Amino acid sequence: MSRVIEFRKVSKAFGSNVVLDAADLAIQKGETITIMGGSGKGKTVFLKLLLGVIRPDSGQVMLRGHSLGEMGDKEIRKMRSHIGMLFQGAALFDSLTVRENIAYPLREHFDYTEDELSRIVAEKLDLVGMHGIEEMMPADLSGGMKKRVGLARAIATDPDVILYDEPTTGLDPANNRRICELIRSLQQKLGVTSVVVTHDMEAAFSVTDRIAMLRQHKFGFIGTKEEARRSEERWVQNFIDGQMESEDDDL
């Protein structure tokens, strides 16, 4: 498999707060990888670096063989058309219909006719099991429905990579399972590379091919679910069991 995303010795600090320190990670085409770590340990910074919202202090963030640090703003914007993102709260525009929410990235990156937009929106809603709700407003949707509409928007541009920021946060068990099933289904149907940032261990194990755990400003563990379960590292087992380490242990 070819590498779609690479972090090569990536470091990022905000003043005296070191978030990443020479972190390495390679993500393969078509896999689902889950990024895990304690609160404030770099998961959100990882996403922002991958989207080109912020730049690393040193090292390289590579997407499809190109270094984001060497791209200008125009190139970064073009690159983002290859990335879909499901935000933690779905981040739908309250004043826009479901149709217009999903069409938003299409209008931003492409020059489709209204008929083409309608066809694409309907197609993506079908993929997430939300047929025929184009004219509904976000205020009329449940939390689970909002997540699925957000996911339809994330896949609207037929991206190579989908980023999921805490996709199961705030959902009841039934919708939690539904979103996890959709993540797996979309990977299989679309062949996308999926990057899931979450603290939900049950969700992580249900959707992922590999897990990358942040510790001491690096990816301290990278491996399959089975390798995580078999790991003899105490901190890995504590993480799986939901026991967060103390700040002293983690630094």
Protein backbone atom coordinates (compact mmCIF):
# COMPACT_ATOMS: atom_id res chain seq x y z
CA MET A 1 0.00 0.00 0.00
CA SER A 2 1.15 3.54 -0.67
CA ARG A 3 1.42 6.21 1.99
CA VAL A 4 -1.21 8.95 1.76
CA ILE A 5 -0.20 10.90 4.88
CA GLU A 6 3.16 11.16 6.61
CA PHE A 7 4.36 13.07 9.63
CA ARG A 8 8.15 13.20 9.43
CA LYS A 9 9.81 14.38 12.66
CA VAL A 10 7.04 16.93 13.14
CA SER A 11 7.40 19.34 16.07
CA LYS A 12 4.92 21.98 17.21
CA ALA A 13 4.93 24.17 20.30
CA PHE A 14 2.92 27.15 21.46
CA GLY A 15 5.28 29.19 23.57
CA SER A 16 6.64 26.87 26.25
CA ASN A 17 3.88 24.31 25.64
CA VAL A 18 5.38 21.55 23.51
CA VAL A 19 2.62 19.57 21.78
CA LEU A 20 4.53 17.44 19.29
CA ASP A 21 8.25 16.72 19.38
CA ALA A 22 9.76 14.97 16.32
CA ALA A 23 6.58 12.90 15.86
CA ASP A 24 6.54 10.26 13.12
CA LEU A 25 3.48 8.60 11.58
CA ALA A 26 2.70 7.04 8.20
CA ILE A 27 -0.90 6.40 7.13
CA GLN A 28 -1.57 3.99 4.30
CA LYS A 29 -4.03 4.43 1.45
CA GLY A 30 -7.47 2.99 2.23
CA GLU A 31 -6.93 2.23 5.91
CA THR A 32 -8.77 3.54 8.94
CA ILE A 33 -6.44 4.76 11.67
CA THR A 34 -7.49 6.10 15.04
CA ILE A 35 -5.50 8.84 16.78
CA MET A 36 -5.83 8.65 20.55
CA GLY A 37 -4.40 10.58 23.47
CA GLY A 38 -5.29 12.32 26.69
CA SER A 39 -6.90 15.73 26.77
CA GLY A 40 -4.54 18.42 25.49
CA LYS A 41 -2.03 15.90 24.19
CA GLY A 42 -2.07 16.97 20.56
CA LYS A 43 -5.04 15.35 18.78
CA THR A 44 -6.57 18.64 17.65
CA VAL A 45 -3.16 20.05 16.71
CA PHE A 46 -2.58 16.93 14.62
CA LEU A 47 -5.77 17.64 12.64
CA LYS A 48 -4.91 21.32 12.18
CA LEU A 49 -1.45 20.42 10.89
CA LEU A 50 -2.96 17.91 8.48
CA LEU A 51 -5.39 20.51 7.15
CA GLY A 52 -2.66 23.13 6.77
CA VAL A 53 -4.43 25.45 9.24
CA ILE A 54 -1.18 25.67 11.19
CA ARG A 55 2.37 24.87 10.09
CA PRO A 56 4.89 22.72 11.96
CA ASP A 57 7.84 24.38 13.67
CA SER A 58 10.05 21.70 12.15
CA GLY A 59 9.64 18.47 10.22
CA GLN A 60 7.30 17.75 7.31
CA VAL A 61 3.60 17.01 6.99
CA MET A 62 3.17 15.11 3.73
CA LEU A 63 -0.10 14.57 1.86
CA ARG A 64 -0.08 12.43 -1.28
CA GLY A 65 3.66 12.91 -1.54
CA HIS A 66 3.59 16.71 -1.24
CA SER A 67 4.85 18.74 1.72
CA LEU A 68 2.17 21.06 3.11
CA GLY A 69 4.87 23.33 4.50
CA GLU A 70 6.03 24.13 0.96
CA MET A 71 2.54 25.00 -0.32
CA GLY A 72 1.16 28.49 -0.70
CA ASP A 73 -2.35 29.42 0.44
CA LYS A 74 -3.87 28.69 -2.99
CA GLU A 75 -2.28 25.23 -3.09
CA ILE A 76 -3.44 24.52 0.46
CA ARG A 77 -7.03 25.38 -0.47
CA LYS A 78 -6.86 23.10 -3.50
CA MET A 79 -5.41 20.32 -1.35
CA ARG A 80 -8.34 20.59 1.05
CA SER A 81 -10.73 19.58 -1.74
CA HIS A 82 -9.20 16.10 -1.35
CA ILE A 83 -10.00 16.02 2.38
CA GLY A 84 -13.44 15.70 3.95
CA MET A 85 -14.02 16.39 7.64
CA LEU A 86 -16.74 15.49 10.10
CA PHE A 87 -16.50 18.03 12.91
CA GLN A 88 -17.23 17.13 16.52
CA GLY A 89 -20.58 18.96 16.63
CA ALA A 90 -21.29 18.39 12.91
CA ALA A 91 -20.81 22.21 12.46
CA LEU A 92 -23.78 22.67 10.16
CA PHE A 93 -24.78 26.19 9.13
CA ASP A 94 -28.02 26.85 11.03
CA SER A 95 -29.38 29.26 8.41
CA LEU A 96 -28.91 26.82 5.49
CA THR A 97 -31.01 23.83 4.51
CA VAL A 98 -29.53 20.34 4.51
CA ARG A 99 -29.11 20.62 0.74
CA GLU A 100 -27.20 23.90 1.00
CA ASN A 101 -25.03 22.59 3.84
CA ILE A 102 -23.92 19.61 1.77
CA ALA A 103 -23.54 21.71 -1.38
CA TYR A 104 -21.33 24.26 0.41
CA PRO A 105 -17.93 22.58 -0.23
CA LEU A 106 -19.01 21.76 -3.79
CA ARG A 107 -19.69 25.43 -4.49
CA GLU A 108 -16.37 26.35 -2.88
CA HIS A 109 -14.20 23.99 -4.93
CA PHE A 110 -16.12 23.25 -8.17
CA ASP A 111 -18.36 24.84 -10.79
CA TYR A 112 -21.38 22.53 -10.88
CA THR A 113 -24.82 23.39 -12.23
CA GLU A 114 -27.76 23.41 -9.80
CA ASP A 115 -28.99 20.11 -11.28
CA GLU A 116 -25.58 18.54 -10.73
CA LEU A 117 -25.49 19.84 -7.16
CA SER A 118 -28.92 18.37 -6.45
CA ARG A 119 -27.87 14.99 -7.85
CA ILE A 120 -24.67 14.89 -5.79
CA VAL A 121 -26.43 15.97 -2.59
CA ALA A 122 -29.09 13.27 -3.03
CA GLU A 123 -26.42 10.66 -3.74
CA LYS A 124 -24.43 11.52 -0.60
CA LEU A 125 -27.55 11.57 1.58
CA ASP A 126 -28.43 8.10 0.31
CA LEU A 127 -24.95 6.88 1.29
CA VAL A 128 -25.52 7.93 4.91
CA GLY A 129 -29.10 6.67 5.05
CA MET A 130 -30.80 10.09 5.00
CA HIS A 131 -32.75 10.06 1.74
CA GLY A 132 -35.13 12.90 0.98
CA ILE A 133 -34.34 15.39 3.76
CA GLU A 134 -32.76 18.07 1.55
CA GLU A 135 -35.16 20.85 2.57
CA MET A 136 -34.99 20.26 6.31
CA MET A 137 -33.18 22.75 8.55
CA PRO A 138 -30.47 21.75 11.06
CA ALA A 139 -32.73 22.82 13.95
CA ASP A 140 -35.17 20.07 12.92
CA LEU A 141 -32.55 17.32 13.11
CA SER A 142 -31.60 15.10 16.04
CA GLY A 143 -27.97 14.82 17.13
CA GLY A 144 -27.49 11.59 15.22
CA MET A 145 -29.10 13.05 12.09
CA LYS A 146 -26.84 16.09 12.25
CA LYS A 147 -23.78 13.84 12.41
CA ARG A 148 -24.95 11.94 9.33
CA VAL A 149 -25.65 15.15 7.40
CA GLY A 150 -22.20 16.37 8.44
CA LEU A 151 -20.80 13.11 7.10
CA ALA A 152 -22.68 13.55 3.81
CA ARG A 153 -21.06 16.99 3.52
CA ALA A 154 -17.64 15.49 4.34
CA ILE A 155 -17.89 13.07 1.40
CA ALA A 156 -19.53 15.56 -1.01
CA THR A 157 -16.30 16.30 -2.90
CA ASP A 158 -15.34 12.60 -3.20
CA PRO A 159 -12.28 13.11 -0.99
CA ASP A 160 -9.32 10.75 -0.75
CA VAL A 161 -9.16 11.27 3.03
CA ILE A 162 -11.91 11.73 5.62
CA LEU A 163 -11.08 13.19 9.04
CA TYR A 164 -13.39 12.43 11.95
CA ASP A 165 -13.11 14.66 15.02
CA GLU A 166 -14.70 12.84 18.00
CA PRO A 167 -17.46 11.40 15.76
CA THR A 168 -19.39 9.68 18.57
CA THR A 169 -19.34 12.46 21.18
CA GLY A 170 -22.81 13.28 22.51
CA LEU A 171 -24.54 10.34 20.83
CA ASP A 172 -26.71 7.70 22.46
CA PRO A 173 -25.57 4.05 22.09
CA ALA A 174 -27.77 3.37 19.04
CA ASN A 175 -26.48 6.40 17.11
CA ASN A 176 -22.95 5.66 18.31
CA ARG A 177 -23.16 2.24 16.65
CA ARG A 178 -24.76 3.72 13.53
CA ILE A 179 -21.95 6.25 13.04
CA CYS A 180 -19.30 3.57 13.59
CA GLU A 181 -21.01 1.35 11.01
CA LEU A 182 -21.06 4.27 8.55
CA ILE A 183 -17.34 4.93 9.02
CA ARG A 184 -16.58 1.31 8.10
CA SER A 185 -19.15 1.25 5.30
CA LEU A 186 -17.80 4.39 3.65
CA GLN A 187 -14.25 3.09 3.84
CA GLN A 188 -15.35 -0.07 2.02
CA LYS A 189 -17.67 1.60 -0.53
CA LEU A 190 -15.52 4.62 -1.36
CA GLY A 191 -12.03 3.27 -0.69
CA VAL A 192 -11.18 6.35 1.35
CA THR A 193 -8.45 6.73 3.94
CA SER A 194 -10.08 7.51 7.29
CA VAL A 195 -8.42 9.27 10.23
CA VAL A 196 -10.51 9.09 13.41
CA VAL A 197 -9.60 11.28 16.39
CA THR A 198 -11.42 10.04 19.47
CA HIS A 199 -11.17 9.22 23.18
CA ASP A 200 -13.97 6.61 22.80
CA MET A 201 -12.04 3.33 23.04
CA GLU A 202 -15.07 1.16 22.20
CA ALA A 203 -15.73 3.17 19.03
CA ALA A 204 -12.04 3.12 18.12
CA PHE A 205 -11.83 -0.67 18.33
CA SER A 206 -15.02 -1.09 16.30
CA VAL A 207 -13.94 1.04 13.32
CA THR A 208 -10.18 1.03 13.09
CA ASP A 209 -7.47 -0.98 11.34
CA ARG A 210 -4.68 0.60 13.38
CA ILE A 211 -4.34 2.78 16.48
CA ALA A 212 -1.77 5.53 17.06
CA MET A 213 -1.51 6.65 20.69
CA LEU A 214 0.06 9.99 21.60
CA ARG A 215 2.40 9.96 24.59
CA GLN A 216 5.23 12.27 25.59
CA HIS A 217 4.67 14.43 22.47
CA LYS A 218 5.15 11.49 20.08
CA PHE A 219 3.19 8.53 18.79
CA GLY A 220 4.30 6.14 21.51
CA PHE A 221 2.33 3.21 20.14
CA ILE A 222 1.32 2.49 16.54
CA GLY A 223 -0.22 -0.85 15.72
CA THR A 224 -3.29 -2.95 15.04
CA LYS A 225 -6.07 -3.50 17.57
CA GLU A 226 -4.69 -6.97 18.25
CA GLU A 227 -1.19 -5.61 18.80
CA ALA A 228 -2.60 -3.03 21.23
CA ARG A 229 -4.40 -5.74 23.19
CA ARG A 230 -1.23 -7.87 23.32
CA SER A 231 1.11 -4.98 24.18
CA GLU A 232 3.18 -5.49 27.31
CA GLU A 233 3.47 -1.72 27.81
CA ARG A 234 1.61 -0.84 31.00
CA TRP A 235 0.57 2.58 29.73
CA VAL A 236 -0.98 1.07 26.60
CA GLN A 237 -3.04 -1.36 28.67
CA ASN A 238 -4.04 1.44 31.05
CA PHE A 239 -5.17 3.47 28.07
CA ILE A 240 -7.26 0.61 26.73
CA ASP A 241 -8.80 0.14 30.17
CA GLY A 242 -9.66 3.84 30.30
CA GLN A 243 -7.17 4.66 33.03
CA MET A 244 -5.50 7.95 32.16
CA GLU A 245 -1.95 8.35 33.37
CA SER A 246 -1.00 11.13 35.72
CA GLU A 247 0.58 14.25 34.24
CA ASP A 248 3.94 13.27 35.74
CA ASP A 249 3.83 9.85 34.05
CA ASP A 250 2.88 11.41 30.73
CA LEU A 251 5.65 14.00 30.53
